[in-house]
Amino acid sequence: MGLEQAAVAMLRTLGAGRVVLLIPQPATAGSQSGLAIAAPMASEVEVEPVLLQANVSGSQLLAITTAATLRRALSNVLAPDADATAMAQALEMAMLKADGCQYRISAVTAKWFGGAALMYELQIEA
């Protein structure tokens, strides 16, 4: 818990803000289908804190946040005991919306500290 709080404090100090994850919803036929009433294609989940920055070479845009922040955002999609691989797969199917722009998440990298995936680096592209 202490590492998580330190990571959140570091992200906030560096200027982290709020983004929206667009998480795809599974298509299910219900009693309303065919009546022009459709469920939304994606759920919008606010995620905070997320630091947006370019990588060192400036060739990629990255979104950096903590594992617990992403677990809360993906709680409707993932099992509570989901591992880093399951989280990365769920994120690679999602989109990220920040500052009026929508980005595709093209790669997810877990950053490990003390034997646990503490931070996540999302490579995003327009």
N, C-alpha and C. Protein backbone atom coordinates (compact mmCIF):
# COMPACT_ATOMS: atom_id res chain seq x y z
N MET A 1 0.83 -1.20 0.00
CA MET A 1 0.00 0.00 0.00
C MET A 1 0.87 1.25 0.00
N GLY A 2 1.99 1.21 0.73
CA GLY A 2 2.86 2.37 0.80
C GLY A 2 3.49 2.70 -0.54
N LEU A 3 3.90 1.65 -1.30
CA LEU A 3 4.46 1.88 -2.63
C LEU A 3 3.43 2.49 -3.57
N GLU A 4 2.20 2.03 -3.47
CA GLU A 4 1.12 2.55 -4.31
C GLU A 4 0.89 4.03 -4.02
N GLN A 5 0.85 4.40 -2.75
CA GLN A 5 0.65 5.80 -2.38
C GLN A 5 1.80 6.66 -2.85
N ALA A 6 3.02 6.15 -2.76
CA ALA A 6 4.19 6.89 -3.24
C ALA A 6 4.13 7.08 -4.75
N ALA A 7 3.70 6.05 -5.48
CA ALA A 7 3.59 6.15 -6.93
C ALA A 7 2.52 7.17 -7.34
N VAL A 8 1.40 7.17 -6.65
CA VAL A 8 0.34 8.14 -6.94
C VAL A 8 0.84 9.56 -6.66
N ALA A 9 1.53 9.75 -5.54
CA ALA A 9 2.07 11.06 -5.20
C ALA A 9 3.08 11.52 -6.25
N MET A 10 3.93 10.60 -6.73
CA MET A 10 4.91 10.95 -7.75
C MET A 10 4.20 11.38 -9.05
N LEU A 11 3.18 10.63 -9.47
CA LEU A 11 2.46 10.98 -10.69
C LEU A 11 1.79 12.35 -10.56
N ARG A 12 1.18 12.61 -9.42
CA ARG A 12 0.52 13.92 -9.21
C ARG A 12 1.54 15.06 -9.22
N THR A 13 2.70 14.83 -8.62
CA THR A 13 3.76 15.84 -8.59
C THR A 13 4.25 16.16 -10.00
N LEU A 14 4.28 15.14 -10.87
CA LEU A 14 4.74 15.33 -12.24
C LEU A 14 3.66 15.91 -13.16
N GLY A 15 2.47 16.15 -12.61
CA GLY A 15 1.42 16.80 -13.40
C GLY A 15 0.39 15.87 -13.99
N ALA A 16 0.21 14.70 -13.40
CA ALA A 16 -0.77 13.74 -13.92
C ALA A 16 -2.17 14.32 -13.84
N GLY A 17 -2.98 13.93 -14.79
CA GLY A 17 -4.36 14.39 -14.85
C GLY A 17 -5.34 13.24 -14.95
N ARG A 18 -6.47 13.53 -15.58
CA ARG A 18 -7.55 12.56 -15.70
C ARG A 18 -7.75 12.24 -17.18
N VAL A 19 -7.98 10.96 -17.48
CA VAL A 19 -8.30 10.50 -18.82
C VAL A 19 -9.55 9.62 -18.73
N VAL A 20 -10.08 9.25 -19.88
CA VAL A 20 -11.23 8.36 -19.94
C VAL A 20 -10.84 7.13 -20.72
N LEU A 21 -11.10 5.96 -20.15
CA LEU A 21 -10.91 4.70 -20.86
C LEU A 21 -12.24 4.33 -21.50
N LEU A 22 -12.19 3.97 -22.78
CA LEU A 22 -13.37 3.47 -23.48
C LEU A 22 -13.22 1.96 -23.56
N ILE A 23 -13.99 1.25 -22.75
CA ILE A 23 -13.87 -0.19 -22.64
C ILE A 23 -14.99 -0.83 -23.45
N PRO A 24 -14.65 -1.65 -24.46
CA PRO A 24 -15.70 -2.25 -25.30
C PRO A 24 -16.61 -3.17 -24.51
N GLN A 25 -17.89 -3.12 -24.84
CA GLN A 25 -18.88 -3.97 -24.21
C GLN A 25 -19.17 -5.16 -25.11
N PRO A 26 -19.36 -6.33 -24.54
CA PRO A 26 -19.69 -7.49 -25.38
C PRO A 26 -21.07 -7.29 -26.00
N ALA A 27 -21.20 -7.69 -27.24
CA ALA A 27 -22.49 -7.58 -27.93
C ALA A 27 -23.39 -8.72 -27.46
N THR A 28 -24.54 -8.35 -26.90
CA THR A 28 -25.50 -9.35 -26.45
C THR A 28 -26.86 -9.00 -27.01
N ALA A 29 -27.56 -9.99 -27.46
CA ALA A 29 -28.92 -9.78 -27.94
C ALA A 29 -29.85 -9.85 -26.75
N GLY A 30 -30.70 -8.86 -26.63
CA GLY A 30 -31.64 -8.84 -25.53
C GLY A 30 -33.06 -8.69 -26.04
N SER A 31 -33.96 -8.50 -25.12
CA SER A 31 -35.36 -8.35 -25.51
C SER A 31 -35.59 -7.05 -26.27
N GLN A 32 -34.68 -6.10 -26.16
CA GLN A 32 -34.82 -4.81 -26.83
C GLN A 32 -34.26 -4.81 -28.24
N SER A 33 -33.53 -5.86 -28.64
CA SER A 33 -32.89 -5.83 -29.95
C SER A 33 -33.95 -5.80 -31.05
N GLY A 34 -33.64 -5.07 -32.10
CA GLY A 34 -34.57 -4.92 -33.21
C GLY A 34 -35.50 -3.75 -33.07
N LEU A 35 -35.47 -3.07 -31.94
CA LEU A 35 -36.35 -1.93 -31.72
C LEU A 35 -35.61 -0.61 -31.79
N ALA A 36 -34.46 -0.62 -32.39
CA ALA A 36 -33.61 0.56 -32.52
C ALA A 36 -33.15 1.08 -31.16
N ILE A 37 -33.19 0.24 -30.18
CA ILE A 37 -32.67 0.57 -28.86
C ILE A 37 -31.44 -0.31 -28.66
N ALA A 38 -30.29 0.32 -28.58
CA ALA A 38 -29.05 -0.46 -28.49
C ALA A 38 -28.25 -0.02 -27.27
N ALA A 39 -27.57 -0.98 -26.69
CA ALA A 39 -26.67 -0.68 -25.59
C ALA A 39 -25.46 0.05 -26.14
N PRO A 40 -24.83 0.89 -25.34
CA PRO A 40 -23.63 1.58 -25.81
C PRO A 40 -22.55 0.58 -26.20
N MET A 41 -21.74 0.93 -27.21
CA MET A 41 -20.69 0.05 -27.70
C MET A 41 -19.52 -0.02 -26.72
N ALA A 42 -19.37 1.01 -25.88
CA ALA A 42 -18.25 1.05 -24.94
C ALA A 42 -18.67 1.76 -23.66
N SER A 43 -18.08 1.33 -22.56
CA SER A 43 -18.27 2.03 -21.29
C SER A 43 -17.17 3.06 -21.15
N GLU A 44 -17.52 4.23 -20.64
CA GLU A 44 -16.52 5.27 -20.37
C GLU A 44 -16.21 5.26 -18.89
N VAL A 45 -14.93 5.10 -18.56
CA VAL A 45 -14.49 5.05 -17.16
C VAL A 45 -13.39 6.09 -16.97
N GLU A 46 -13.60 7.00 -16.03
CA GLU A 46 -12.56 7.99 -15.72
C GLU A 46 -11.44 7.33 -14.94
N VAL A 47 -10.21 7.69 -15.32
CA VAL A 47 -9.03 7.14 -14.67
C VAL A 47 -8.15 8.31 -14.24
N GLU A 48 -7.73 8.27 -12.97
CA GLU A 48 -6.89 9.35 -12.42
C GLU A 48 -6.03 8.78 -11.30
N PRO A 49 -4.79 9.10 -11.18
CA PRO A 49 -3.97 9.98 -12.00
C PRO A 49 -3.31 9.22 -13.16
N VAL A 50 -3.21 9.90 -14.30
CA VAL A 50 -2.52 9.37 -15.46
C VAL A 50 -1.62 10.46 -16.00
N LEU A 51 -0.35 10.13 -16.16
CA LEU A 51 0.63 11.07 -16.69
C LEU A 51 0.81 10.81 -18.17
N LEU A 52 0.55 11.82 -19.01
CA LEU A 52 0.76 11.71 -20.45
C LEU A 52 2.08 12.37 -20.79
N GLN A 53 2.93 11.66 -21.53
CA GLN A 53 4.22 12.22 -21.91
C GLN A 53 4.75 11.50 -23.15
N ALA A 54 5.68 12.14 -23.84
CA ALA A 54 6.39 11.50 -24.95
C ALA A 54 7.55 10.72 -24.37
N ASN A 55 7.94 9.63 -25.05
CA ASN A 55 9.10 8.88 -24.56
C ASN A 55 10.37 9.68 -24.85
N VAL A 56 11.50 9.16 -24.44
CA VAL A 56 12.76 9.89 -24.53
C VAL A 56 13.07 10.32 -25.96
N SER A 57 12.84 9.45 -26.93
CA SER A 57 13.14 9.79 -28.33
C SER A 57 12.07 10.69 -28.94
N GLY A 58 10.93 10.81 -28.27
CA GLY A 58 9.85 11.65 -28.78
C GLY A 58 9.01 10.97 -29.84
N SER A 59 9.25 9.69 -30.08
CA SER A 59 8.54 8.99 -31.15
C SER A 59 7.23 8.35 -30.70
N GLN A 60 7.01 8.23 -29.40
CA GLN A 60 5.79 7.60 -28.90
C GLN A 60 5.19 8.44 -27.78
N LEU A 61 3.87 8.38 -27.70
CA LEU A 61 3.16 9.02 -26.60
C LEU A 61 2.81 7.94 -25.60
N LEU A 62 3.07 8.22 -24.33
CA LEU A 62 2.86 7.25 -23.27
C LEU A 62 1.86 7.79 -22.24
N ALA A 63 1.07 6.89 -21.69
CA ALA A 63 0.20 7.19 -20.56
C ALA A 63 0.68 6.30 -19.42
N ILE A 64 1.03 6.89 -18.29
CA ILE A 64 1.60 6.15 -17.17
C ILE A 64 0.67 6.28 -15.97
N THR A 65 0.34 5.15 -15.36
CA THR A 65 -0.52 5.15 -14.18
C THR A 65 -0.17 3.94 -13.30
N THR A 66 -0.87 3.80 -12.19
CA THR A 66 -0.58 2.70 -11.27
C THR A 66 -1.47 1.50 -11.56
N ALA A 67 -1.02 0.34 -11.11
CA ALA A 67 -1.78 -0.89 -11.30
C ALA A 67 -3.14 -0.83 -10.59
N ALA A 68 -3.16 -0.31 -9.38
CA ALA A 68 -4.42 -0.23 -8.63
C ALA A 68 -5.43 0.69 -9.32
N THR A 69 -4.95 1.77 -9.91
CA THR A 69 -5.82 2.68 -10.64
C THR A 69 -6.48 1.95 -11.81
N LEU A 70 -5.69 1.16 -12.54
CA LEU A 70 -6.23 0.41 -13.68
C LEU A 70 -7.15 -0.72 -13.22
N ARG A 71 -6.82 -1.36 -12.11
CA ARG A 71 -7.70 -2.43 -11.60
C ARG A 71 -9.08 -1.87 -11.26
N ARG A 72 -9.12 -0.68 -10.64
CA ARG A 72 -10.41 -0.06 -10.34
C ARG A 72 -11.17 0.26 -11.62
N ALA A 73 -10.47 0.77 -12.63
CA ALA A 73 -11.12 1.13 -13.89
C ALA A 73 -11.65 -0.10 -14.62
N LEU A 74 -10.93 -1.20 -14.53
CA LEU A 74 -11.31 -2.42 -15.25
C LEU A 74 -12.07 -3.42 -14.38
N SER A 75 -12.57 -2.98 -13.24
CA SER A 75 -13.21 -3.90 -12.29
C SER A 75 -14.43 -4.61 -12.88
N ASN A 76 -15.12 -4.00 -13.83
CA ASN A 76 -16.29 -4.65 -14.44
C ASN A 76 -15.89 -5.65 -15.51
N VAL A 77 -14.64 -5.60 -15.97
CA VAL A 77 -14.18 -6.45 -17.06
C VAL A 77 -13.33 -7.60 -16.56
N LEU A 78 -12.54 -7.35 -15.52
CA LEU A 78 -11.57 -8.34 -15.02
C LEU A 78 -12.03 -9.00 -13.73
N ALA A 79 -11.56 -10.21 -13.52
CA ALA A 79 -11.75 -10.87 -12.24
C ALA A 79 -10.86 -10.18 -11.21
N PRO A 80 -11.25 -10.17 -9.94
CA PRO A 80 -10.45 -9.48 -8.92
C PRO A 80 -9.01 -9.99 -8.80
N ASP A 81 -8.78 -11.25 -9.14
CA ASP A 81 -7.44 -11.82 -9.02
C ASP A 81 -6.72 -11.89 -10.37
N ALA A 82 -7.14 -11.07 -11.35
CA ALA A 82 -6.54 -11.10 -12.68
C ALA A 82 -5.07 -10.70 -12.62
N ASP A 83 -4.25 -11.37 -13.44
CA ASP A 83 -2.83 -11.08 -13.44
C ASP A 83 -2.49 -9.97 -14.44
N ALA A 84 -1.20 -9.64 -14.53
CA ALA A 84 -0.74 -8.55 -15.39
C ALA A 84 -1.06 -8.83 -16.86
N THR A 85 -1.00 -10.09 -17.28
CA THR A 85 -1.28 -10.43 -18.68
C THR A 85 -2.74 -10.17 -19.02
N ALA A 86 -3.65 -10.55 -18.14
CA ALA A 86 -5.08 -10.32 -18.37
C ALA A 86 -5.38 -8.82 -18.42
N MET A 87 -4.73 -8.05 -17.55
CA MET A 87 -4.95 -6.61 -17.55
C MET A 87 -4.44 -5.99 -18.85
N ALA A 88 -3.27 -6.42 -19.31
CA ALA A 88 -2.72 -5.90 -20.57
C ALA A 88 -3.62 -6.24 -21.74
N GLN A 89 -4.17 -7.44 -21.78
CA GLN A 89 -5.06 -7.82 -22.87
C GLN A 89 -6.34 -6.97 -22.87
N ALA A 90 -6.90 -6.73 -21.70
CA ALA A 90 -8.10 -5.89 -21.61
C ALA A 90 -7.80 -4.46 -22.06
N LEU A 91 -6.64 -3.94 -21.68
CA LEU A 91 -6.28 -2.57 -22.05
C LEU A 91 -6.03 -2.44 -23.55
N GLU A 92 -5.44 -3.45 -24.18
CA GLU A 92 -5.16 -3.37 -25.61
C GLU A 92 -6.42 -3.41 -26.46
N MET A 93 -7.55 -3.79 -25.87
CA MET A 93 -8.82 -3.75 -26.58
C MET A 93 -9.55 -2.42 -26.33
N ALA A 94 -9.06 -1.63 -25.40
CA ALA A 94 -9.70 -0.37 -25.03
C ALA A 94 -9.09 0.80 -25.79
N MET A 95 -9.73 1.95 -25.68
CA MET A 95 -9.23 3.21 -26.23
C MET A 95 -9.06 4.17 -25.05
N LEU A 96 -8.29 5.21 -25.27
CA LEU A 96 -8.04 6.21 -24.24
C LEU A 96 -8.39 7.58 -24.81
N LYS A 97 -9.15 8.35 -24.06
CA LYS A 97 -9.54 9.69 -24.49
C LYS A 97 -8.94 10.71 -23.52
N ALA A 98 -8.16 11.67 -24.08
CA ALA A 98 -7.53 12.69 -23.25
C ALA A 98 -7.44 13.99 -24.04
N ASP A 99 -7.72 15.09 -23.38
CA ASP A 99 -7.62 16.42 -23.99
C ASP A 99 -8.34 16.51 -25.33
N GLY A 100 -9.51 15.90 -25.43
CA GLY A 100 -10.31 15.98 -26.64
C GLY A 100 -9.85 15.07 -27.77
N CYS A 101 -8.83 14.26 -27.56
CA CYS A 101 -8.33 13.33 -28.59
C CYS A 101 -8.56 11.90 -28.13
N GLN A 102 -8.78 11.04 -29.10
CA GLN A 102 -8.97 9.63 -28.80
C GLN A 102 -7.76 8.85 -29.31
N TYR A 103 -7.23 7.96 -28.47
CA TYR A 103 -6.03 7.21 -28.79
C TYR A 103 -6.30 5.71 -28.69
N ARG A 104 -5.60 4.96 -29.54
CA ARG A 104 -5.61 3.50 -29.47
C ARG A 104 -4.45 3.09 -28.58
N ILE A 105 -4.68 2.13 -27.70
CA ILE A 105 -3.62 1.61 -26.85
C ILE A 105 -2.94 0.49 -27.64
N SER A 106 -1.70 0.72 -28.04
CA SER A 106 -1.01 -0.25 -28.91
C SER A 106 -0.11 -1.20 -28.15
N ALA A 107 0.33 -0.84 -26.97
CA ALA A 107 1.19 -1.73 -26.17
C ALA A 107 1.04 -1.37 -24.70
N VAL A 108 1.17 -2.38 -23.87
CA VAL A 108 1.07 -2.21 -22.42
C VAL A 108 2.30 -2.85 -21.79
N THR A 109 3.00 -2.07 -20.97
CA THR A 109 4.20 -2.57 -20.30
C THR A 109 4.03 -2.40 -18.79
N ALA A 110 4.14 -3.50 -18.06
CA ALA A 110 4.10 -3.43 -16.60
C ALA A 110 5.48 -3.08 -16.09
N LYS A 111 5.55 -2.17 -15.13
CA LYS A 111 6.79 -1.80 -14.47
C LYS A 111 6.76 -2.42 -13.07
N TRP A 112 7.71 -3.32 -12.84
CA TRP A 112 7.73 -4.11 -11.61
C TRP A 112 8.61 -3.47 -10.55
N PHE A 113 8.10 -3.41 -9.32
CA PHE A 113 8.84 -2.92 -8.16
C PHE A 113 8.56 -3.87 -7.00
N GLY A 114 9.60 -4.36 -6.36
CA GLY A 114 9.42 -5.23 -5.21
C GLY A 114 8.63 -6.49 -5.51
N GLY A 115 8.75 -7.02 -6.72
CA GLY A 115 8.07 -8.27 -7.07
C GLY A 115 6.62 -8.12 -7.48
N ALA A 116 6.15 -6.89 -7.66
CA ALA A 116 4.75 -6.67 -8.06
C ALA A 116 4.69 -5.63 -9.17
N ALA A 117 3.72 -5.80 -10.06
CA ALA A 117 3.50 -4.82 -11.12
C ALA A 117 2.86 -3.59 -10.48
N LEU A 118 3.64 -2.54 -10.28
CA LEU A 118 3.15 -1.35 -9.59
C LEU A 118 2.65 -0.29 -10.55
N MET A 119 3.37 -0.07 -11.64
CA MET A 119 3.02 0.96 -12.60
C MET A 119 2.77 0.31 -13.96
N TYR A 120 1.98 0.98 -14.78
CA TYR A 120 1.76 0.55 -16.15
C TYR A 120 2.05 1.69 -17.08
N GLU A 121 2.73 1.36 -18.18
CA GLU A 121 3.06 2.31 -19.23
C GLU A 121 2.26 1.88 -20.47
N LEU A 122 1.35 2.73 -20.91
CA LEU A 122 0.52 2.44 -22.07
C LEU A 122 1.05 3.22 -23.25
N GLN A 123 1.44 2.55 -24.30
CA GLN A 123 1.86 3.23 -25.52
C GLN A 123 0.58 3.53 -26.30
N ILE A 124 0.38 4.81 -26.62
CA ILE A 124 -0.88 5.21 -27.28
C ILE A 124 -0.56 5.93 -28.58
N GLU A 125 -1.49 5.81 -29.52
CA GLU A 125 -1.34 6.48 -30.80
C GLU A 125 -2.70 6.90 -31.31
N ALA A 126 -2.71 8.01 -32.05
CA ALA A 126 -3.97 8.56 -32.57
C ALA A 126 -4.50 7.73 -33.72
